Amino acid sequence: MKTILQSHIRLVISGTDDFSNAFGPGTAQLLLGVEKMGSLNQIAKDIGMSYSKAWKSIRETEKALGVALIERNGVNGSSLTKEGEEILALFQRAHQAAHNAVQQVLIEEAEKKILINNKNKNIF
């Protein structure tokens, strides 16, 4: 029986040792939505989150990082600040790099098992 292993990376970035208000997948999803839709309210609705919870999450992350991530534009919605764009891009690059590194380890281990167990035709 052949087993294909998958991985899931949950990366968080913080400006302190306290990761409770760190920049993670949820914050990234909100910022991506603001970037694409121009509205924190709209992305919050799309993912089933209240606007107040989304805004509170952003504010807490901003406080933890010491930078503003979103700029409110009144009736015109919201946009990412320069720092918001930069931290989102950093998060995306770091997440992809972590995913690639883990996948490479899984591939290397699978290849070792294939070579070791080739006589028995067992993979994992």
C-alpha atoms as a PDB file:
ATOM      1  CA  MET A   1       0.000   0.000   0.000  1.00  0.00           C
ATOM      2  CA  LYS A   2       1.335   3.414  -0.977  1.00  0.00           C
ATOM      3  CA  THR A   3       0.740   6.347   1.357  1.00  0.00           C
ATOM      4  CA  ILE A   4       1.180   9.875   0.073  1.00  0.00           C
ATOM      5  CA  LEU A   5       2.042  12.199   2.921  1.00  0.00           C
ATOM      6  CA  GLN A   6       0.786  15.773   3.029  1.00  0.00           C
ATOM      7  CA  SER A   7       1.708  18.622   5.293  1.00  0.00           C
ATOM      8  CA  HIS A   8       0.012  21.701   6.674  1.00  0.00           C
ATOM      9  CA  ILE A   9       2.042  24.645   7.914  1.00  0.00           C
ATOM     10  CA  ARG A  10       0.600  27.134  10.395  1.00  0.00           C
ATOM     11  CA  LEU A  11       3.002  30.034  10.458  1.00  0.00           C
ATOM     12  CA  VAL A  12       2.671  33.014  12.786  1.00  0.00           C
ATOM     13  CA  ILE A  13       4.809  36.135  12.934  1.00  0.00           C
ATOM     14  CA  SER A  14       5.057  38.285  16.043  1.00  0.00           C
ATOM     15  CA  GLY A  15       7.015  41.289  17.223  1.00  0.00           C
ATOM     16  CA  THR A  16       7.276  39.759  20.717  1.00  0.00           C
ATOM     17  CA  ASP A  17       7.538  36.394  22.454  1.00  0.00           C
ATOM     18  CA  ASP A  18       3.753  36.510  22.961  1.00  0.00           C
ATOM     19  CA  PHE A  19       2.100  34.953  19.927  1.00  0.00           C
ATOM     20  CA  SER A  20      -1.486  35.534  21.093  1.00  0.00           C
ATOM     21  CA  ASN A  21      -1.952  38.493  18.736  1.00  0.00           C
ATOM     22  CA  ALA A  22       0.500  37.384  16.097  1.00  0.00           C
ATOM     23  CA  PHE A  23       0.148  37.776  12.355  1.00  0.00           C
ATOM     24  CA  GLY A  24      -1.065  34.412  11.107  1.00  0.00           C
ATOM     25  CA  PRO A  25      -3.298  32.831   8.476  1.00  0.00           C
ATOM     26  CA  GLY A  26      -6.439  34.604   9.701  1.00  0.00           C
ATOM     27  CA  THR A  27      -4.864  38.044   9.530  1.00  0.00           C
ATOM     28  CA  ALA A  28      -3.378  37.219   6.142  1.00  0.00           C
ATOM     29  CA  GLN A  29      -6.817  36.185   4.880  1.00  0.00           C
ATOM     30  CA  LEU A  30      -8.331  39.453   6.078  1.00  0.00           C
ATOM     31  CA  LEU A  31      -5.574  41.544   4.499  1.00  0.00           C
ATOM     32  CA  LEU A  32      -5.813  39.642   1.216  1.00  0.00           C
ATOM     33  CA  GLY A  33      -9.537  40.358   1.196  1.00  0.00           C
ATOM     34  CA  VAL A  34      -8.995  44.056   1.853  1.00  0.00           C
ATOM     35  CA  GLU A  35      -6.383  44.119  -0.887  1.00  0.00           C
ATOM     36  CA  LYS A  36      -8.730  42.448  -3.396  1.00  0.00           C
ATOM     37  CA  MET A  37     -12.103  43.901  -2.368  1.00  0.00           C
ATOM     38  CA  GLY A  38     -11.136  47.194  -0.776  1.00  0.00           C
ATOM     39  CA  SER A  39     -13.341  46.381   2.199  1.00  0.00           C
ATOM     40  CA  LEU A  40     -12.712  44.753   5.563  1.00  0.00           C
ATOM     41  CA  ASN A  41     -16.469  44.512   6.032  1.00  0.00           C
ATOM     42  CA  GLN A  42     -16.905  42.555   2.780  1.00  0.00           C
ATOM     43  CA  ILE A  43     -14.135  40.025   3.496  1.00  0.00           C
ATOM     44  CA  ALA A  44     -15.463  39.566   7.037  1.00  0.00           C
ATOM     45  CA  LYS A  45     -18.919  38.780   5.620  1.00  0.00           C
ATOM     46  CA  ASP A  46     -17.447  36.436   3.006  1.00  0.00           C
ATOM     47  CA  ILE A  47     -15.673  34.333   5.641  1.00  0.00           C
ATOM     48  CA  GLY A  48     -18.545  34.411   8.130  1.00  0.00           C
ATOM     49  CA  MET A  49     -16.927  36.764  10.641  1.00  0.00           C
ATOM     50  CA  SER A  50     -18.507  39.840  12.155  1.00  0.00           C
ATOM     51  CA  TYR A  51     -16.977  43.152  11.123  1.00  0.00           C
ATOM     52  CA  SER A  52     -16.313  44.048  14.769  1.00  0.00           C
ATOM     53  CA  LYS A  53     -14.401  40.796  15.330  1.00  0.00           C
ATOM     54  CA  ALA A  54     -12.377  41.316  12.134  1.00  0.00           C
ATOM     55  CA  TRP A  55     -11.547  44.901  13.069  1.00  0.00           C
ATOM     56  CA  LYS A  56     -10.639  43.876  16.643  1.00  0.00           C
ATOM     57  CA  SER A  57      -8.323  41.153  15.292  1.00  0.00           C
ATOM     58  CA  ILE A  58      -6.603  43.637  12.983  1.00  0.00           C
ATOM     59  CA  ARG A  59      -6.221  46.245  15.759  1.00  0.00           C
ATOM     60  CA  GLU A  60      -4.729  43.681  18.162  1.00  0.00           C
ATOM     61  CA  THR A  61      -2.269  42.495  15.515  1.00  0.00           C
ATOM     62  CA  GLU A  62      -1.338  46.097  14.697  1.00  0.00           C
ATOM     63  CA  LYS A  63      -0.702  46.749  18.387  1.00  0.00           C
ATOM     64  CA  ALA A  64       1.438  43.619  18.729  1.00  0.00           C
ATOM     65  CA  LEU A  65       3.503  44.497  15.633  1.00  0.00           C
ATOM     66  CA  GLY A  66       3.625  48.232  16.300  1.00  0.00           C
ATOM     67  CA  VAL A  67       2.462  49.179  12.794  1.00  0.00           C
ATOM     68  CA  ALA A  68      -0.806  50.032  11.089  1.00  0.00           C
ATOM     69  CA  LEU A  69      -1.895  47.344   8.604  1.00  0.00           C
ATOM     70  CA  ILE A  70      -5.124  48.832   7.248  1.00  0.00           C
ATOM     71  CA  GLU A  71      -6.120  52.369   6.431  1.00  0.00           C
ATOM     72  CA  ARG A  72      -9.818  53.215   6.633  1.00  0.00           C
ATOM     73  CA  ASN A  73     -11.053  55.291   3.718  1.00  0.00           C
ATOM     74  CA  GLY A  74     -14.518  56.107   5.040  1.00  0.00           C
ATOM     75  CA  VAL A  75     -17.290  55.283   2.584  1.00  0.00           C
ATOM     76  CA  ASN A  76     -14.635  54.140   0.097  1.00  0.00           C
ATOM     77  CA  GLY A  77     -13.752  51.112   2.238  1.00  0.00           C
ATOM     78  CA  SER A  78     -10.252  50.239   3.371  1.00  0.00           C
ATOM     79  CA  SER A  79      -6.823  49.700   1.908  1.00  0.00           C
ATOM     80  CA  LEU A  80      -3.571  48.217   3.101  1.00  0.00           C
ATOM     81  CA  THR A  81      -0.887  50.496   4.399  1.00  0.00           C
ATOM     82  CA  LYS A  82       2.613  50.127   2.987  1.00  0.00           C
ATOM     83  CA  GLU A  83       3.515  48.170   6.127  1.00  0.00           C
ATOM     84  CA  GLY A  84       0.415  46.007   5.679  1.00  0.00           C
ATOM     85  CA  GLU A  85       1.461  45.176   2.123  1.00  0.00           C
ATOM     86  CA  GLU A  86       5.007  44.400   3.256  1.00  0.00           C
ATOM     87  CA  ILE A  87       4.065  42.137   6.176  1.00  0.00           C
ATOM     88  CA  LEU A  88       1.511  40.306   4.020  1.00  0.00           C
ATOM     89  CA  ALA A  89       4.145  39.710   1.330  1.00  0.00           C
ATOM     90  CA  LEU A  90       6.658  38.596   3.987  1.00  0.00           C
ATOM     91  CA  PHE A  91       4.113  36.201   5.477  1.00  0.00           C
ATOM     92  CA  GLN A  92       3.277  34.735   2.065  1.00  0.00           C
ATOM     93  CA  ARG A  93       6.963  34.231   1.163  1.00  0.00           C
ATOM     94  CA  ALA A  94       7.772  32.703   4.561  1.00  0.00           C
ATOM     95  CA  HIS A  95       4.732  30.418   4.423  1.00  0.00           C
ATOM     96  CA  GLN A  96       5.639  29.194   0.935  1.00  0.00           C
ATOM     97  CA  ALA A  97       9.276  28.636   1.961  1.00  0.00           C
ATOM     98  CA  ALA A  98       8.211  26.641   5.046  1.00  0.00           C
ATOM     99  CA  HIS A  99       5.790  24.567   2.975  1.00  0.00           C
ATOM    100  CA  ASN A 100       8.455  23.864   0.341  1.00  0.00           C
ATOM    101  CA  ALA A 101      10.994  22.839   2.997  1.00  0.00           C
ATOM    102  CA  VAL A 102       8.587  20.390   4.654  1.00  0.00           C
ATOM    103  CA  GLN A 103       7.530  18.931   1.310  1.00  0.00           C
ATOM    104  CA  GLN A 104      11.192  18.401   0.391  1.00  0.00           C
ATOM    105  CA  VAL A 105      11.779  16.506   3.646  1.00  0.00           C
ATOM    106  CA  LEU A 106       8.730  14.314   2.964  1.00  0.00           C
ATOM    107  CA  ILE A 107       9.936  13.597  -0.572  1.00  0.00           C
ATOM    108  CA  GLU A 108      13.437  12.739   0.622  1.00  0.00           C
ATOM    109  CA  GLU A 109      12.106  10.413   3.309  1.00  0.00           C
ATOM    110  CA  ALA A 110       9.751   8.748   0.819  1.00  0.00           C
ATOM    111  CA  GLU A 111      12.669   8.166  -1.552  1.00  0.00           C
ATOM    112  CA  LYS A 112      14.702   6.589   1.267  1.00  0.00           C
ATOM    113  CA  LYS A 113      11.817   4.278   2.136  1.00  0.00           C
ATOM    114  CA  ILE A 114      11.367   3.323  -1.494  1.00  0.00           C
ATOM    115  CA  LEU A 115      15.027   2.395  -1.766  1.00  0.00           C
ATOM    116  CA  ILE A 116      15.085   0.527   1.544  1.00  0.00           C
ATOM    117  CA  ASN A 117      11.797  -1.320   1.033  1.00  0.00           C
ATOM    118  CA  ASN A 118      12.047  -1.867  -2.700  1.00  0.00           C
ATOM    119  CA  LYS A 119      12.286  -5.647  -2.269  1.00  0.00           C
ATOM    120  CA  ASN A 120       9.061  -5.741  -0.268  1.00  0.00           C
ATOM    121  CA  LYS A 121       7.283  -3.130  -2.419  1.00  0.00           C
ATOM    122  CA  ASN A 122       6.246  -1.284   0.745  1.00  0.00           C
ATOM    123  CA  ILE A 123       6.261   2.499   0.863  1.00  0.00           C
ATOM    124  CA  PHE A 124       5.629   3.808   4.356  1.00  0.00           C
END
